[in-house]
Amino acid sequence: MGKLCDELAPSLRSFPVGKYLLFYRSVVDGIELVRVIHGARDIQNLFE
């Protein structure tokens, strides 16, 4: 579930919720929520 975003960080996935993107990683017992970012932001720049 979610789009793989290896170009931003290893094993990172994104999932859209309304106007936001949730960035997360799968862990043994669920997910680790990394960031919640408005879709209009410069996402590539935020992960540098």
PDB file of N, CA and C in Angstrom:
ATOM      1  N   MET A   1       0.844  -1.176   0.000  1.00  0.00           N
ATOM      2  CA  MET A   1       0.000   0.000   0.000  1.00  0.00           C
ATOM      3  C   MET A   1       0.888   1.237   0.000  1.00  0.00           C
ATOM      4  N   GLY A   2       0.524   2.230  -0.745  1.00  0.00           N
ATOM      5  CA  GLY A   2       1.330   3.430  -0.835  1.00  0.00           C
ATOM      6  C   GLY A   2       2.362   3.330  -1.941  1.00  0.00           C
ATOM      7  N   LYS A   3       2.905   4.469  -2.315  1.00  0.00           N
ATOM      8  CA  LYS A   3       3.893   4.548  -3.386  1.00  0.00           C
ATOM      9  C   LYS A   3       5.297   4.504  -2.790  1.00  0.00           C
ATOM     10  N   LEU A   4       6.155   3.666  -3.350  1.00  0.00           N
ATOM     11  CA  LEU A   4       7.538   3.586  -2.907  1.00  0.00           C
ATOM     12  C   LEU A   4       8.276   4.861  -3.306  1.00  0.00           C
ATOM     13  N   CYS A   5       9.021   5.462  -2.368  1.00  0.00           N
ATOM     14  CA  CYS A   5       9.735   6.729  -2.595  1.00  0.00           C
ATOM     15  C   CYS A   5      11.209   6.577  -2.246  1.00  0.00           C
ATOM     16  N   ASP A   6      11.857   5.556  -2.802  1.00  0.00           N
ATOM     17  CA  ASP A   6      13.278   5.318  -2.524  1.00  0.00           C
ATOM     18  C   ASP A   6      14.162   6.496  -2.911  1.00  0.00           C
ATOM     19  N   GLU A   7      13.701   7.345  -3.841  1.00  0.00           N
ATOM     20  CA  GLU A   7      14.507   8.496  -4.250  1.00  0.00           C
ATOM     21  C   GLU A   7      14.609   9.537  -3.139  1.00  0.00           C
ATOM     22  N   LEU A   8      13.698   9.488  -2.172  1.00  0.00           N
ATOM     23  CA  LEU A   8      13.724  10.426  -1.043  1.00  0.00           C
ATOM     24  C   LEU A   8      14.474   9.847   0.147  1.00  0.00           C
ATOM     25  N   ALA A   9      14.246   8.571   0.433  1.00  0.00           N
ATOM     26  CA  ALA A   9      14.906   7.883   1.550  1.00  0.00           C
ATOM     27  C   ALA A   9      14.656   6.382   1.380  1.00  0.00           C
ATOM     28  N   PRO A  10      15.590   5.550   1.830  1.00  0.00           N
ATOM     29  CA  PRO A  10      15.428   4.101   1.685  1.00  0.00           C
ATOM     30  C   PRO A  10      14.156   3.591   2.372  1.00  0.00           C
ATOM     31  N   SER A  11      13.427   2.722   1.679  1.00  0.00           N
ATOM     32  CA  SER A  11      12.224   2.046   2.197  1.00  0.00           C
ATOM     33  C   SER A  11      11.078   2.998   2.542  1.00  0.00           C
ATOM     34  N   LEU A  12      11.134   4.228   2.072  1.00  0.00           N
ATOM     35  CA  LEU A  12      10.087   5.209   2.369  1.00  0.00           C
ATOM     36  C   LEU A  12       8.922   5.033   1.405  1.00  0.00           C
ATOM     37  N   ARG A  13       7.714   5.142   1.926  1.00  0.00           N
ATOM     38  CA  ARG A  13       6.497   5.068   1.119  1.00  0.00           C
ATOM     39  C   ARG A  13       5.645   6.298   1.406  1.00  0.00           C
ATOM     40  N   SER A  14       4.793   6.655   0.444  1.00  0.00           N
ATOM     41  CA  SER A  14       3.870   7.773   0.646  1.00  0.00           C
ATOM     42  C   SER A  14       2.447   7.310   0.372  1.00  0.00           C
ATOM     43  N   PHE A  15       1.505   7.975   1.036  1.00  0.00           N
ATOM     44  CA  PHE A  15       0.090   7.670   0.863  1.00  0.00           C
ATOM     45  C   PHE A  15      -0.675   8.984   0.956  1.00  0.00           C
ATOM     46  N   PRO A  16      -1.471   9.312  -0.075  1.00  0.00           N
ATOM     47  CA  PRO A  16      -2.218  10.573  -0.045  1.00  0.00           C
ATOM     48  C   PRO A  16      -3.450  10.491   0.849  1.00  0.00           C
ATOM     49  N   VAL A  17      -3.655  11.551   1.623  1.00  0.00           N
ATOM     50  CA  VAL A  17      -4.857  11.691   2.449  1.00  0.00           C
ATOM     51  C   VAL A  17      -5.327  13.135   2.285  1.00  0.00           C
ATOM     52  N   GLY A  18      -6.374  13.324   1.519  1.00  0.00           N
ATOM     53  CA  GLY A  18      -6.835  14.679   1.230  1.00  0.00           C
ATOM     54  C   GLY A  18      -5.741  15.450   0.505  1.00  0.00           C
ATOM     55  N   LYS A  19      -5.400  16.632   1.012  1.00  0.00           N
ATOM     56  CA  LYS A  19      -4.360  17.470   0.407  1.00  0.00           C
ATOM     57  C   LYS A  19      -2.974  17.168   0.958  1.00  0.00           C
ATOM     58  N   TYR A  20      -2.851  16.130   1.767  1.00  0.00           N
ATOM     59  CA  TYR A  20      -1.591  15.811   2.431  1.00  0.00           C
ATOM     60  C   TYR A  20      -1.012  14.499   1.934  1.00  0.00           C
ATOM     61  N   LEU A  21       0.303  14.352   2.107  1.00  0.00           N
ATOM     62  CA  LEU A  21       0.987  13.094   1.848  1.00  0.00           C
ATOM     63  C   LEU A  21       1.550  12.595   3.164  1.00  0.00           C
ATOM     64  N   LEU A  22       1.264  11.359   3.492  1.00  0.00           N
ATOM     65  CA  LEU A  22       1.843  10.721   4.676  1.00  0.00           C
ATOM     66  C   LEU A  22       3.042   9.914   4.211  1.00  0.00           C
ATOM     67  N   PHE A  23       4.185  10.128   4.828  1.00  0.00           N
ATOM     68  CA  PHE A  23       5.392   9.374   4.510  1.00  0.00           C
ATOM     69  C   PHE A  23       5.665   8.425   5.662  1.00  0.00           C
ATOM     70  N   TYR A  24       5.888   7.165   5.335  1.00  0.00           N
ATOM     71  CA  TYR A  24       6.019   6.143   6.370  1.00  0.00           C
ATOM     72  C   TYR A  24       6.952   5.028   5.921  1.00  0.00           C
ATOM     73  N   ARG A  25       7.360   4.222   6.887  1.00  0.00           N
ATOM     74  CA  ARG A  25       8.144   3.006   6.643  1.00  0.00           C
ATOM     75  C   ARG A  25       7.436   1.847   7.319  1.00  0.00           C
ATOM     76  N   SER A  26       7.501   0.684   6.710  1.00  0.00           N
ATOM     77  CA  SER A  26       6.967  -0.525   7.341  1.00  0.00           C
ATOM     78  C   SER A  26       7.936  -0.994   8.410  1.00  0.00           C
ATOM     79  N   VAL A  27       7.415  -1.362   9.563  1.00  0.00           N
ATOM     80  CA  VAL A  27       8.203  -1.953  10.644  1.00  0.00           C
ATOM     81  C   VAL A  27       7.522  -3.255  11.049  1.00  0.00           C
ATOM     82  N   VAL A  28       8.172  -4.028  11.894  1.00  0.00           N
ATOM     83  CA  VAL A  28       7.687  -5.356  12.259  1.00  0.00           C
ATOM     84  C   VAL A  28       6.243  -5.346  12.752  1.00  0.00           C
ATOM     85  N   ASP A  29       5.893  -4.412  13.611  1.00  0.00           N
ATOM     86  CA  ASP A  29       4.560  -4.419  14.213  1.00  0.00           C
ATOM     87  C   ASP A  29       3.619  -3.346  13.656  1.00  0.00           C
ATOM     88  N   GLY A  30       3.901  -2.831  12.452  1.00  0.00           N
ATOM     89  CA  GLY A  30       3.023  -1.826  11.856  1.00  0.00           C
ATOM     90  C   GLY A  30       3.776  -0.898  10.925  1.00  0.00           C
ATOM     91  N   ILE A  31       3.600   0.418  11.148  1.00  0.00           N
ATOM     92  CA  ILE A  31       4.309   1.420  10.356  1.00  0.00           C
ATOM     93  C   ILE A  31       4.952   2.448  11.278  1.00  0.00           C
ATOM     94  N   GLU A  32       5.973   3.110  10.746  1.00  0.00           N
ATOM     95  CA  GLU A  32       6.602   4.249  11.423  1.00  0.00           C
ATOM     96  C   GLU A  32       6.256   5.473  10.583  1.00  0.00           C
ATOM     97  N   LEU A  33       5.470   6.382  11.119  1.00  0.00           N
ATOM     98  CA  LEU A  33       5.102   7.599  10.410  1.00  0.00           C
ATOM     99  C   LEU A  33       6.286   8.553  10.462  1.00  0.00           C
ATOM    100  N   VAL A  34       6.791   8.928   9.290  1.00  0.00           N
ATOM    101  CA  VAL A  34       7.988   9.766   9.198  1.00  0.00           C
ATOM    102  C   VAL A  34       7.616  11.242   9.117  1.00  0.00           C
ATOM    103  N   ARG A  35       6.696  11.583   8.214  1.00  0.00           N
ATOM    104  CA  ARG A  35       6.288  12.978   8.044  1.00  0.00           C
ATOM    105  C   ARG A  35       4.891  13.056   7.453  1.00  0.00           C
ATOM    106  N   VAL A  36       4.220  14.166   7.729  1.00  0.00           N
ATOM    107  CA  VAL A  36       2.957  14.509   7.082  1.00  0.00           C
ATOM    108  C   VAL A  36       3.191  15.870   6.435  1.00  0.00           C
ATOM    109  N   ILE A  37       3.050  15.931   5.109  1.00  0.00           N
ATOM    110  CA  ILE A  37       3.405  17.139   4.364  1.00  0.00           C
ATOM    111  C   ILE A  37       2.257  17.518   3.431  1.00  0.00           C
ATOM    112  N   HIS A  38       1.952  18.811   3.358  1.00  0.00           N
ATOM    113  CA  HIS A  38       0.948  19.293   2.409  1.00  0.00           C
ATOM    114  C   HIS A  38       1.460  19.026   0.995  1.00  0.00           C
ATOM    115  N   GLY A  39       0.594  18.562   0.132  1.00  0.00           N
ATOM    116  CA  GLY A  39       0.974  18.186  -1.223  1.00  0.00           C
ATOM    117  C   GLY A  39       1.525  19.315  -2.075  1.00  0.00           C
ATOM    118  N   ALA A  40       1.286  20.570  -1.714  1.00  0.00           N
ATOM    119  CA  ALA A  40       1.779  21.706  -2.494  1.00  0.00           C
ATOM    120  C   ALA A  40       3.227  22.067  -2.159  1.00  0.00           C
ATOM    121  N   ARG A  41       3.790  21.457  -1.132  1.00  0.00           N
ATOM    122  CA  ARG A  41       5.172  21.770  -0.725  1.00  0.00           C
ATOM    123  C   ARG A  41       6.183  21.158  -1.689  1.00  0.00           C
ATOM    124  N   ASP A  42       7.426  21.651  -1.654  1.00  0.00           N
ATOM    125  CA  ASP A  42       8.531  21.092  -2.442  1.00  0.00           C
ATOM    126  C   ASP A  42       9.067  19.880  -1.679  1.00  0.00           C
ATOM    127  N   ILE A  43       8.502  18.735  -1.937  1.00  0.00           N
ATOM    128  CA  ILE A  43       8.781  17.533  -1.149  1.00  0.00           C
ATOM    129  C   ILE A  43      10.232  17.093  -1.275  1.00  0.00           C
ATOM    130  N   GLN A  44      10.769  17.105  -2.483  1.00  0.00           N
ATOM    131  CA  GLN A  44      12.166  16.692  -2.692  1.00  0.00           C
ATOM    132  C   GLN A  44      13.103  17.526  -1.817  1.00  0.00           C
ATOM    133  N   ASN A  45      12.902  18.823  -1.770  1.00  0.00           N
ATOM    134  CA  ASN A  45      13.748  19.727  -0.989  1.00  0.00           C
ATOM    135  C   ASN A  45      13.620  19.466   0.517  1.00  0.00           C
ATOM    136  N   LEU A  46      12.458  19.077   0.992  1.00  0.00           N
ATOM    137  CA  LEU A  46      12.246  18.834   2.419  1.00  0.00           C
ATOM    138  C   LEU A  46      12.995  17.606   2.927  1.00  0.00           C
ATOM    139  N   PHE A  47      13.305  16.664   2.043  1.00  0.00           N
ATOM    140  CA  PHE A  47      13.990  15.446   2.454  1.00  0.00           C
ATOM    141  C   PHE A  47      15.503  15.520   2.258  1.00  0.00           C
ATOM    142  N   GLU A  48      16.023  16.639   1.781  1.00  0.00           N
ATOM    143  CA  GLU A  48      17.477  16.771   1.596  1.00  0.00           C
ATOM    144  C   GLU A  48      18.163  17.130   2.883  1.00  0.00           C
TER     145      GLU A  48
END
